[in-house]
Amino acid sequence: MNDQNSSDILLEDINHKLAAILEGQASLAGVPAQLQQIDNRLMSLEGDVKVVKAAITDFSQEQQAHGARLDRLETA
């Protein structure tokens, strides 16, 4: 193999690798928008979880109060 053939083979290999890199980069183009959508959905879920926690805490306190009232009625 002469130097020209070696250079041609190396250039072809580099071109192929660069094409693969560009193809991979193009497939990642929509990722930031998808991440933003996921972040928005997580923020919404976070708010929902806080509401559910508050409701459960309130319900638990009401149940404890009812239990205390029942205990007082049973001992009376």
N, C-alpha and C. Protein backbone atom coordinates (compact mmCIF):
# COMPACT_ATOMS: atom_id res chain seq x y z
N MET A 1 0.84 -1.17 0.00
CA MET A 1 0.00 0.00 0.00
C MET A 1 0.89 1.25 0.00
N ASN A 2 0.52 2.19 -0.82
CA ASN A 2 1.31 3.42 -0.84
C ASN A 2 0.70 4.43 0.13
N ASP A 3 1.37 5.54 0.29
CA ASP A 3 0.92 6.56 1.24
C ASP A 3 -0.43 7.14 0.88
N GLN A 4 -0.71 7.30 -0.42
CA GLN A 4 -1.99 7.86 -0.86
C GLN A 4 -3.14 6.94 -0.49
N ASN A 5 -2.96 5.64 -0.71
CA ASN A 5 -4.00 4.67 -0.36
C ASN A 5 -4.25 4.65 1.15
N SER A 6 -3.18 4.71 1.94
CA SER A 6 -3.31 4.72 3.39
C SER A 6 -4.06 5.96 3.84
N SER A 7 -3.75 7.10 3.26
CA SER A 7 -4.43 8.34 3.61
C SER A 7 -5.90 8.28 3.23
N ASP A 8 -6.18 7.73 2.05
CA ASP A 8 -7.57 7.61 1.61
C ASP A 8 -8.37 6.71 2.55
N ILE A 9 -7.78 5.62 2.97
CA ILE A 9 -8.46 4.69 3.88
C ILE A 9 -8.71 5.36 5.23
N LEU A 10 -7.70 6.08 5.73
CA LEU A 10 -7.87 6.77 7.01
C LEU A 10 -8.94 7.86 6.91
N LEU A 11 -8.94 8.62 5.82
CA LEU A 11 -9.95 9.66 5.64
C LEU A 11 -11.35 9.06 5.54
N GLU A 12 -11.48 7.95 4.85
CA GLU A 12 -12.77 7.29 4.74
C GLU A 12 -13.25 6.82 6.11
N ASP A 13 -12.34 6.27 6.90
CA ASP A 13 -12.68 5.82 8.25
C ASP A 13 -13.11 7.00 9.13
N ILE A 14 -12.38 8.09 9.05
CA ILE A 14 -12.71 9.29 9.83
C ILE A 14 -14.06 9.85 9.39
N ASN A 15 -14.31 9.89 8.09
CA ASN A 15 -15.59 10.39 7.58
C ASN A 15 -16.75 9.52 8.09
N HIS A 16 -16.55 8.21 8.10
CA HIS A 16 -17.58 7.30 8.59
C HIS A 16 -17.86 7.55 10.08
N LYS A 17 -16.80 7.73 10.85
CA LYS A 17 -16.97 7.98 12.28
C LYS A 17 -17.65 9.33 12.53
N LEU A 18 -17.29 10.34 11.77
CA LEU A 18 -17.92 11.65 11.92
C LEU A 18 -19.41 11.58 11.54
N ALA A 19 -19.73 10.82 10.52
CA ALA A 19 -21.12 10.66 10.13
C ALA A 19 -21.91 9.98 11.24
N ALA A 20 -21.31 8.99 11.88
CA ALA A 20 -21.97 8.31 12.99
C ALA A 20 -22.19 9.27 14.16
N ILE A 21 -21.21 10.12 14.44
CA ILE A 21 -21.33 11.11 15.51
C ILE A 21 -22.45 12.09 15.20
N LEU A 22 -22.50 12.58 13.98
CA LEU A 22 -23.56 13.51 13.59
C LEU A 22 -24.94 12.88 13.68
N GLU A 23 -25.04 11.63 13.30
CA GLU A 23 -26.31 10.91 13.39
C GLU A 23 -26.74 10.79 14.85
N GLY A 24 -25.79 10.47 15.72
CA GLY A 24 -26.09 10.37 17.15
C GLY A 24 -26.51 11.70 17.73
N GLN A 25 -25.83 12.75 17.33
CA GLN A 25 -26.15 14.09 17.81
C GLN A 25 -27.55 14.51 17.35
N ALA A 26 -27.89 14.18 16.13
CA ALA A 26 -29.22 14.52 15.61
C ALA A 26 -30.31 13.80 16.39
N SER A 27 -30.03 12.58 16.81
CA SER A 27 -31.04 11.83 17.57
C SER A 27 -31.23 12.39 18.97
N LEU A 28 -30.27 13.17 19.46
CA LEU A 28 -30.38 13.77 20.79
C LEU A 28 -30.99 15.17 20.77
N ALA A 29 -31.35 15.65 19.60
CA ALA A 29 -31.81 17.04 19.47
C ALA A 29 -33.06 17.31 20.30
N GLY A 30 -33.96 16.37 20.42
CA GLY A 30 -35.21 16.59 21.14
C GLY A 30 -35.14 16.33 22.63
N VAL A 31 -34.00 15.87 23.11
CA VAL A 31 -33.88 15.50 24.52
C VAL A 31 -34.12 16.67 25.48
N PRO A 32 -33.56 17.85 25.26
CA PRO A 32 -33.83 18.95 26.21
C PRO A 32 -35.32 19.26 26.36
N ALA A 33 -36.06 19.25 25.28
CA ALA A 33 -37.50 19.52 25.36
C ALA A 33 -38.21 18.41 26.14
N GLN A 34 -37.80 17.17 25.92
CA GLN A 34 -38.40 16.05 26.65
C GLN A 34 -38.08 16.15 28.14
N LEU A 35 -36.86 16.55 28.47
CA LEU A 35 -36.49 16.71 29.87
C LEU A 35 -37.31 17.82 30.52
N GLN A 36 -37.57 18.88 29.80
CA GLN A 36 -38.39 19.97 30.34
C GLN A 36 -39.81 19.49 30.61
N GLN A 37 -40.36 18.69 29.70
CA GLN A 37 -41.70 18.14 29.90
C GLN A 37 -41.74 17.24 31.13
N ILE A 38 -40.73 16.41 31.29
CA ILE A 38 -40.66 15.52 32.44
C ILE A 38 -40.55 16.34 33.73
N ASP A 39 -39.73 17.39 33.70
CA ASP A 39 -39.57 18.25 34.86
C ASP A 39 -40.90 18.91 35.23
N ASN A 40 -41.64 19.37 34.24
CA ASN A 40 -42.95 19.99 34.49
C ASN A 40 -43.92 19.00 35.12
N ARG A 41 -43.91 17.76 34.60
CA ARG A 41 -44.80 16.74 35.15
C ARG A 41 -44.41 16.39 36.58
N LEU A 42 -43.12 16.34 36.86
CA LEU A 42 -42.68 16.04 38.22
C LEU A 42 -43.07 17.15 39.19
N MET A 43 -42.97 18.38 38.74
CA MET A 43 -43.38 19.50 39.59
C MET A 43 -44.87 19.40 39.92
N SER A 44 -45.67 19.03 38.93
CA SER A 44 -47.10 18.86 39.14
C SER A 44 -47.37 17.73 40.13
N LEU A 45 -46.67 16.63 39.96
CA LEU A 45 -46.83 15.49 40.87
C LEU A 45 -46.40 15.85 42.29
N GLU A 46 -45.35 16.65 42.39
CA GLU A 46 -44.87 17.08 43.70
C GLU A 46 -45.97 17.83 44.44
N GLY A 47 -46.65 18.72 43.73
CA GLY A 47 -47.76 19.46 44.33
C GLY A 47 -48.89 18.54 44.74
N ASP A 48 -49.20 17.57 43.89
CA ASP A 48 -50.26 16.60 44.20
C ASP A 48 -49.92 15.79 45.44
N VAL A 49 -48.67 15.39 45.57
CA VAL A 49 -48.25 14.60 46.73
C VAL A 49 -48.39 15.43 48.00
N LYS A 50 -48.06 16.71 47.93
CA LYS A 50 -48.21 17.57 49.11
C LYS A 50 -49.67 17.66 49.53
N VAL A 51 -50.57 17.76 48.56
CA VAL A 51 -52.00 17.83 48.86
C VAL A 51 -52.46 16.52 49.50
N VAL A 52 -52.03 15.40 48.96
CA VAL A 52 -52.41 14.09 49.51
C VAL A 52 -51.88 13.94 50.94
N LYS A 53 -50.62 14.35 51.16
CA LYS A 53 -50.04 14.27 52.51
C LYS A 53 -50.85 15.11 53.50
N ALA A 54 -51.22 16.30 53.09
CA ALA A 54 -52.00 17.17 53.97
C ALA A 54 -53.36 16.54 54.28
N ALA A 55 -53.99 15.95 53.28
CA ALA A 55 -55.30 15.32 53.49
C ALA A 55 -55.17 14.13 54.44
N ILE A 56 -54.13 13.35 54.26
CA ILE A 56 -53.93 12.18 55.13
C ILE A 56 -53.66 12.62 56.56
N THR A 57 -52.85 13.65 56.72
CA THR A 57 -52.56 14.16 58.05
C THR A 57 -53.83 14.66 58.72
N ASP A 58 -54.64 15.40 57.98
CA ASP A 58 -55.90 15.92 58.52
C ASP A 58 -56.83 14.77 58.90
N PHE A 59 -56.95 13.79 58.02
CA PHE A 59 -57.81 12.64 58.29
C PHE A 59 -57.33 11.89 59.53
N SER A 60 -56.02 11.73 59.64
CA SER A 60 -55.45 11.01 60.79
C SER A 60 -55.76 11.75 62.09
N GLN A 61 -55.64 13.07 62.05
CA GLN A 61 -55.93 13.85 63.26
C GLN A 61 -57.42 13.76 63.62
N GLU A 62 -58.28 13.81 62.62
CA GLU A 62 -59.72 13.67 62.87
C GLU A 62 -60.04 12.31 63.46
N GLN A 63 -59.40 11.28 62.93
CA GLN A 63 -59.64 9.92 63.41
C GLN A 63 -59.17 9.78 64.86
N GLN A 64 -58.04 10.37 65.18
CA GLN A 64 -57.55 10.33 66.56
C GLN A 64 -58.52 11.05 67.50
N ALA A 65 -59.05 12.18 67.06
CA ALA A 65 -60.00 12.93 67.87
C ALA A 65 -61.28 12.11 68.08
N HIS A 66 -61.77 11.46 67.04
CA HIS A 66 -62.96 10.61 67.17
C HIS A 66 -62.69 9.44 68.12
N GLY A 67 -61.50 8.89 68.02
CA GLY A 67 -61.13 7.79 68.91
C GLY A 67 -61.11 8.23 70.36
N ALA A 68 -60.60 9.41 70.61
CA ALA A 68 -60.56 9.94 71.97
C ALA A 68 -61.99 10.17 72.48
N ARG A 69 -62.86 10.70 71.62
CA ARG A 69 -64.25 10.92 72.02
C ARG A 69 -64.94 9.60 72.33
N LEU A 70 -64.71 8.59 71.51
CA LEU A 70 -65.32 7.27 71.77
C LEU A 70 -64.82 6.69 73.09
N ASP A 71 -63.54 6.85 73.34
CA ASP A 71 -62.99 6.35 74.62
C ASP A 71 -63.67 7.02 75.80
N ARG A 72 -63.86 8.35 75.70
CA ARG A 72 -64.52 9.07 76.79
C ARG A 72 -65.97 8.61 76.95
N LEU A 73 -66.66 8.39 75.81
CA LEU A 73 -68.05 7.93 75.90
C LEU A 73 -68.15 6.53 76.49
N GLU A 74 -67.22 5.67 76.16
CA GLU A 74 -67.25 4.29 76.67
C GLU A 74 -66.95 4.26 78.17
N THR A 75 -66.11 5.15 78.63
CA THR A 75 -65.78 5.15 80.06
C THR A 75 -66.81 5.91 80.88
N ALA A 76 -67.67 6.68 80.23
CA ALA A 76 -68.68 7.44 80.97
C ALA A 76 -69.86 6.63 81.38
